[in-house]
Amino acid sequence: MKKFNIEREEYINKTFKIPVNLADKMNKVCDSKNVSLNKLVVKCIEYAFDNSDMDM
């Protein structure tokens, strides 16, 4: 039988300033999709990195 394992992701707190109109759009998406603002920001950053030609 496979062992039941719960993995925890490690997080760090960061503070960013963003334009009010962008924050408003983000809040609307969060409300409509029922997700946290943090989750949306992480997904947006992951998408940007995954779809860019920047070397990492």
C-alpha atoms as a PDB file:
ATOM      1  CA  MET A   1       0.000   0.000   0.000  1.00  0.00           C
ATOM      2  CA  LYS A   2       1.292   3.455  -0.904  1.00  0.00           C
ATOM      3  CA  LYS A   3       2.037   5.718   2.059  1.00  0.00           C
ATOM      4  CA  PHE A   4      -0.219   8.781   2.543  1.00  0.00           C
ATOM      5  CA  ASN A   5       2.017  11.843   2.306  1.00  0.00           C
ATOM      6  CA  ILE A   6       1.138  15.531   2.511  1.00  0.00           C
ATOM      7  CA  GLU A   7       3.811  17.829   1.123  1.00  0.00           C
ATOM      8  CA  ARG A   8       4.026  21.437   2.245  1.00  0.00           C
ATOM      9  CA  GLU A   9       5.211  24.161  -0.058  1.00  0.00           C
ATOM     10  CA  GLU A  10       7.580  26.701   1.393  1.00  0.00           C
ATOM     11  CA  TYR A  11       6.436  30.317   1.103  1.00  0.00           C
ATOM     12  CA  ILE A  12       8.034  33.711   1.645  1.00  0.00           C
ATOM     13  CA  ASN A  13       6.300  37.038   2.220  1.00  0.00           C
ATOM     14  CA  LYS A  14       6.994  39.843  -0.262  1.00  0.00           C
ATOM     15  CA  THR A  15       5.440  43.278  -0.665  1.00  0.00           C
ATOM     16  CA  PHE A  16       4.768  44.852  -4.060  1.00  0.00           C
ATOM     17  CA  LYS A  17       3.174  48.067  -5.231  1.00  0.00           C
ATOM     18  CA  ILE A  18       0.829  47.726  -8.203  1.00  0.00           C
ATOM     19  CA  PRO A  19      -1.416  50.229  -9.982  1.00  0.00           C
ATOM     20  CA  VAL A  20      -4.930  50.572  -8.571  1.00  0.00           C
ATOM     21  CA  ASN A  21      -6.570  49.635 -11.881  1.00  0.00           C
ATOM     22  CA  LEU A  22      -4.582  46.376 -11.998  1.00  0.00           C
ATOM     23  CA  ALA A  23      -5.496  45.552  -8.394  1.00  0.00           C
ATOM     24  CA  ASP A  24      -9.163  46.168  -9.231  1.00  0.00           C
ATOM     25  CA  LYS A  25      -8.986  43.781 -12.193  1.00  0.00           C
ATOM     26  CA  MET A  26      -7.261  41.161 -10.076  1.00  0.00           C
ATOM     27  CA  ASN A  27      -9.886  41.431  -7.345  1.00  0.00           C
ATOM     28  CA  LYS A  28     -12.657  40.971  -9.922  1.00  0.00           C
ATOM     29  CA  VAL A  29     -10.989  37.812 -11.219  1.00  0.00           C
ATOM     30  CA  CYS A  30     -10.564  36.489  -7.679  1.00  0.00           C
ATOM     31  CA  ASP A  31     -14.225  37.123  -6.916  1.00  0.00           C
ATOM     32  CA  SER A  32     -15.453  35.521 -10.126  1.00  0.00           C
ATOM     33  CA  LYS A  33     -13.174  32.459  -9.851  1.00  0.00           C
ATOM     34  CA  ASN A  34     -13.407  32.148  -6.062  1.00  0.00           C
ATOM     35  CA  VAL A  35      -9.628  32.094  -5.570  1.00  0.00           C
ATOM     36  CA  SER A  36      -7.357  34.034  -3.247  1.00  0.00           C
ATOM     37  CA  LEU A  37      -5.392  37.007  -4.480  1.00  0.00           C
ATOM     38  CA  ASN A  38      -2.196  35.193  -3.508  1.00  0.00           C
ATOM     39  CA  LYS A  39      -3.134  32.174  -5.653  1.00  0.00           C
ATOM     40  CA  LEU A  40      -3.897  34.425  -8.629  1.00  0.00           C
ATOM     41  CA  VAL A  41      -0.580  36.262  -8.313  1.00  0.00           C
ATOM     42  CA  VAL A  42       1.366  32.990  -8.118  1.00  0.00           C
ATOM     43  CA  LYS A  43      -0.466  31.600 -11.170  1.00  0.00           C
ATOM     44  CA  CYS A  44       0.144  34.800 -13.161  1.00  0.00           C
ATOM     45  CA  ILE A  45       3.854  34.795 -12.341  1.00  0.00           C
ATOM     46  CA  GLU A  46       4.194  31.096 -13.195  1.00  0.00           C
ATOM     47  CA  TYR A  47       2.382  31.669 -16.497  1.00  0.00           C
ATOM     48  CA  ALA A  48       4.609  34.646 -17.341  1.00  0.00           C
ATOM     49  CA  PHE A  49       7.797  32.686 -16.667  1.00  0.00           C
ATOM     50  CA  ASP A  50       6.547  29.563 -18.467  1.00  0.00           C
ATOM     51  CA  ASN A  51       5.655  31.608 -21.556  1.00  0.00           C
ATOM     52  CA  SER A  52       8.671  33.881 -21.764  1.00  0.00           C
ATOM     53  CA  ASP A  53      12.051  33.547 -23.386  1.00  0.00           C
ATOM     54  CA  MET A  54      13.921  34.727 -20.291  1.00  0.00           C
ATOM     55  CA  ASP A  55      16.744  32.469 -19.180  1.00  0.00           C
ATOM     56  CA  MET A  56      16.218  31.088 -15.689  1.00  0.00           C
END
